[in-house]
Structure formats: structure tokens, C-alpha cells
Amino acid sequence: MGTIAVHEFISLDGVYEDPSWTFEFGFDPQMGETLAAITGAAKAILLGRSTFEMFAPAWSTRTAEDDPGAPFFNDTVKYVVGKHEPQAEWANSRRLGSYDPRAIRELKNDTDGTIYISGSGTLVRGLFADGLVDDLHLFVYPIALGKGEKLFADGVDATKLELKAHDVYANGVVHLDYGSARS
């Protein structure tokens, strides 16, 4: 049985959308090592349709020479969740259709390893509501944006998590690795 590991770049006030605001902080090489460890165990990628449509043109033409993460994103099977057909093509991609927790449970049962998610806030919120997230990797940037879509929107049920590990990088970013809190 597989596990679901979510990775998000997030501001201090919880904003995750359009992470172009992260650029001013640079990318600490140790962050790359942490992300490589997260993706290294992954056997599949699960993305919401909007994130898939942003990632496809950005990653599909990259090579290992361009970015060491390119082989992972291009060679790994990608599952896309969304009501509508994606408006982008990308090798090794399969559409799952609208969000269905049973389909995600089946994917977890059929996957021997980690299922990696990046971004995909709507999908992630649904997975949390249905108890399907095993690991949440937040890369918290030292900025409060004051506006933007938040990972945990107002009105959602409380989600308790247990801190499993953490890292602090020279650029001020903090990595927090959370798992489900034990009841």
C-alpha cells in the first residue's frame, strides 16, 4: 500500500498559490536535497488539473541538464484529478476524473511507494478531509503576503498533525514534515 506525500511552498500566513513570490529568497541547495528525498521514494505523481496544466509546459521539455528534477517529473506516471479534461499533454499521464476518495484509496492500494503531490490545493484539501494524506511537507517562507489562496481555507474542519521532522535553511525557509496526529 502506498502513501501520499504532499509538498507545498507556503507563506507564513498560509498562502500557497502562485509561488513566484518565493523567487526572491533563492533556492537553498539543502532544499533541493530535501525535495529529492521526498520525490526519491515516489512511484507516482498526483495533481489537480490546474496544477497539471501549469506543470506540463514547464517540465515536459526540461532535461536532466536543465534541472535534476526533470527525469522524475517526466518519467513518473502522473494521475490528474479534475472534472474537465486537462488542456495540456504530458507523457505518462492518466486522467482520474472528478475527485473521488474511493479512486484515490484504490490508487494508494495499487501503488507500492509514495504518491507525490505538489500544489493542487483543492485536491489536497479534499484529501485531508477524507484522511488520505500521510505526509505534509511545508516549506514555510519568511513572508506574510496578506492576500492569496490559502492551503487551509476558512471554514474547513480542524486538522491535527504531528511534527515528524524539520529543517532550517540559510535563506530563512523552514521545512516542516507533518504526519497525521495520533488520536
Protein backbone atom coordinates (compact mmCIF):
# COMPACT_ATOMS: atom_id res chain seq x y z
CA MET A 1 0.00 0.00 0.00
CA GLY A 2 1.26 3.43 -0.92
CA THR A 3 1.39 6.67 0.98
CA ILE A 4 0.53 10.19 -0.10
CA ALA A 5 3.17 12.87 0.47
CA VAL A 6 2.18 16.49 -0.17
CA HIS A 7 4.78 19.21 -0.78
CA GLU A 8 3.83 22.88 -0.60
CA PHE A 9 5.70 26.18 -0.72
CA ILE A 10 3.74 28.38 1.68
CA SER A 11 3.92 31.85 3.24
CA LEU A 12 3.73 32.49 6.98
CA ASP A 13 0.07 33.40 6.58
CA GLY A 14 -0.75 30.18 4.71
CA VAL A 15 -0.78 31.36 1.08
CA TYR A 16 0.34 28.71 -1.40
CA GLU A 17 -0.98 29.96 -4.75
CA ASP A 18 1.35 31.23 -7.49
CA PRO A 19 4.63 30.63 -5.63
CA SER A 20 6.52 33.16 -7.79
CA TRP A 21 6.86 35.17 -4.56
CA THR A 22 9.38 32.50 -3.42
CA PHE A 23 11.95 33.55 -6.04
CA GLU A 24 13.33 36.48 -4.03
CA PHE A 25 14.53 34.02 -1.36
CA GLY A 26 16.55 31.90 -3.75
CA PHE A 27 16.71 28.14 -3.66
CA ASP A 28 18.99 26.77 -0.96
CA PRO A 29 20.79 23.61 -2.19
CA GLN A 30 19.72 21.81 1.01
CA MET A 31 16.10 22.42 -0.01
CA GLY A 32 16.89 20.54 -3.20
CA GLU A 33 18.28 17.66 -1.15
CA THR A 34 15.10 17.56 0.94
CA LEU A 35 12.87 17.61 -2.15
CA ALA A 36 14.99 14.91 -3.77
CA ALA A 37 14.48 12.73 -0.69
CA ILE A 38 10.70 13.30 -0.88
CA THR A 39 10.47 12.57 -4.60
CA GLY A 40 13.06 9.76 -4.46
CA ALA A 41 10.57 7.43 -2.78
CA ALA A 42 7.76 8.39 -5.15
CA LYS A 43 6.35 5.92 -7.65
CA ALA A 44 3.55 8.21 -8.87
CA ILE A 45 2.56 11.87 -9.04
CA LEU A 46 -0.98 13.01 -8.24
CA LEU A 47 -2.01 16.50 -9.36
CA GLY A 48 -5.11 18.61 -9.61
CA ARG A 49 -5.96 19.63 -13.17
CA SER A 50 -4.93 23.29 -12.77
CA THR A 51 -1.54 22.40 -11.29
CA PHE A 52 -1.06 19.76 -14.00
CA GLU A 53 -1.76 22.41 -16.66
CA MET A 54 0.88 24.70 -15.09
CA PHE A 55 3.47 21.94 -14.64
CA ALA A 56 3.12 20.28 -18.06
CA PRO A 57 4.59 23.07 -20.21
CA ALA A 58 7.18 23.95 -17.56
CA TRP A 59 8.53 20.42 -17.05
CA SER A 60 7.77 18.45 -20.22
CA THR A 61 10.60 20.00 -22.23
CA ARG A 62 13.21 20.08 -19.45
CA THR A 63 16.07 17.63 -19.37
CA ALA A 64 18.29 16.47 -16.52
CA GLU A 65 20.87 19.00 -17.74
CA ASP A 66 18.29 21.78 -17.30
CA ASP A 67 17.09 20.60 -13.90
CA PRO A 68 17.94 17.45 -11.92
CA GLY A 69 14.22 17.04 -11.13
CA ALA A 70 13.21 16.76 -14.79
CA PRO A 71 13.53 12.96 -15.10
CA PHE A 72 11.32 12.46 -12.06
CA PHE A 73 8.57 14.74 -13.36
CA ASN A 74 8.74 13.49 -16.94
CA ASP A 75 9.27 9.76 -16.44
CA THR A 76 6.99 9.13 -13.45
CA VAL A 77 3.35 8.28 -14.11
CA LYS A 78 1.11 11.26 -13.38
CA TYR A 79 -2.53 10.97 -12.29
CA VAL A 80 -4.72 14.02 -12.88
CA VAL A 81 -7.82 14.77 -10.83
CA GLY A 82 -10.41 17.16 -12.24
CA LYS A 83 -13.87 17.41 -13.65
CA HIS A 84 -12.57 18.67 -17.00
CA GLU A 85 -10.06 17.18 -19.41
CA PRO A 86 -6.64 18.87 -18.99
CA GLN A 87 -5.80 21.41 -21.68
CA ALA A 88 -2.18 20.22 -21.77
CA GLU A 89 -0.46 16.99 -22.70
CA TRP A 90 2.42 15.39 -20.86
CA ALA A 91 3.99 11.95 -21.21
CA ASN A 92 2.93 9.21 -18.79
CA SER A 93 -0.26 11.00 -17.70
CA ARG A 94 -3.60 9.43 -16.82
CA ARG A 95 -6.83 11.23 -16.02
CA LEU A 96 -8.71 10.00 -12.93
CA GLY A 97 -11.74 12.24 -13.47
CA SER A 98 -13.51 14.22 -10.77
CA TYR A 99 -12.32 13.92 -7.20
CA ASP A 100 -13.41 10.58 -5.76
CA PRO A 101 -11.88 9.42 -2.45
CA ARG A 102 -12.54 5.79 -3.43
CA ALA A 103 -10.42 6.18 -6.57
CA ILE A 104 -7.64 7.73 -4.51
CA ARG A 105 -7.80 4.90 -1.96
CA GLU A 106 -7.59 2.42 -4.83
CA LEU A 107 -4.57 4.27 -6.23
CA LYS A 108 -2.92 4.10 -2.79
CA ASN A 109 -3.68 0.38 -2.56
CA ASP A 110 -2.23 -0.24 -6.03
CA THR A 111 0.94 1.83 -5.51
CA ASP A 112 3.98 0.34 -3.83
CA GLY A 113 5.64 3.53 -2.61
CA THR A 114 4.91 7.19 -2.28
CA ILE A 115 2.41 9.17 -4.32
CA TYR A 116 3.80 12.70 -4.57
CA ILE A 117 1.67 15.85 -4.75
CA SER A 118 2.81 19.44 -5.25
CA GLY A 119 0.47 22.41 -5.20
CA SER A 120 -3.03 21.19 -6.08
CA GLY A 121 -4.67 22.94 -3.12
CA THR A 122 -8.25 21.95 -3.87
CA LEU A 123 -7.22 18.32 -4.24
CA VAL A 124 -5.10 18.45 -1.07
CA ARG A 125 -7.96 19.94 0.95
CA GLY A 126 -10.21 17.09 -0.22
CA LEU A 127 -7.57 14.51 0.65
CA PHE A 128 -7.21 15.97 4.14
CA ALA A 129 -10.98 15.96 4.64
CA ASP A 130 -11.02 12.27 3.70
CA GLY A 131 -7.98 11.33 5.82
CA LEU A 132 -5.84 10.37 2.83
CA VAL A 133 -2.69 12.47 3.40
CA ASP A 134 0.16 10.61 5.10
CA ASP A 135 2.89 13.27 4.96
CA LEU A 136 2.66 17.05 4.61
CA HIS A 137 5.92 18.79 3.72
CA LEU A 138 5.55 22.55 4.19
CA PHE A 139 8.37 24.80 3.06
CA VAL A 140 7.45 27.93 5.01
CA TYR A 141 8.86 31.19 3.64
CA PRO A 142 9.57 34.16 5.92
CA ILE A 143 6.93 36.42 4.42
CA ALA A 144 3.29 37.21 5.14
CA LEU A 145 1.57 38.06 1.88
CA GLY A 146 -1.71 39.35 3.25
CA LYS A 147 -3.70 38.01 0.31
CA GLY A 148 -3.97 34.93 -1.86
CA GLU A 149 -5.45 31.47 -1.69
CA LYS A 150 -4.59 29.64 1.49
CA LEU A 151 -3.90 25.94 1.77
CA PHE A 152 -6.34 25.61 4.67
CA ALA A 153 -9.22 27.88 3.78
CA ASP A 154 -11.65 29.40 6.25
CA GLY A 155 -14.47 27.09 7.20
CA VAL A 156 -12.66 23.75 6.92
CA ASP A 157 -12.71 21.32 9.82
CA ALA A 158 -9.76 21.35 12.19
CA THR A 159 -6.86 19.18 11.02
CA LYS A 160 -4.48 17.94 13.70
CA LEU A 161 -0.98 16.99 12.62
CA GLU A 162 2.13 15.61 14.29
CA LEU A 163 5.56 17.09 13.58
CA LYS A 164 7.87 14.33 12.32
CA ALA A 165 10.91 16.35 11.28
CA HIS A 166 12.06 19.87 10.48
CA ASP A 167 14.90 21.69 8.75
CA VAL A 168 16.01 25.33 8.69
CA TYR A 169 17.74 26.68 5.59
CA ALA A 170 20.15 29.58 5.18
CA ASN A 171 17.60 31.54 3.10
CA GLY A 172 15.18 31.66 6.07
CA VAL A 173 12.86 28.93 4.79
CA VAL A 174 11.76 26.29 7.28
CA HIS A 175 10.77 22.76 6.22
CA LEU A 176 8.13 21.15 8.42
CA ASP A 177 7.31 17.47 7.87
CA TYR A 178 3.96 16.56 9.37
CA GLY A 179 2.06 13.29 9.61
CA SER A 180 -1.41 12.56 10.91
CA ALA A 181 -1.77 13.15 14.63
CA ARG A 182 -2.34 10.03 16.65
CA SER A 183 -5.66 10.05 18.45
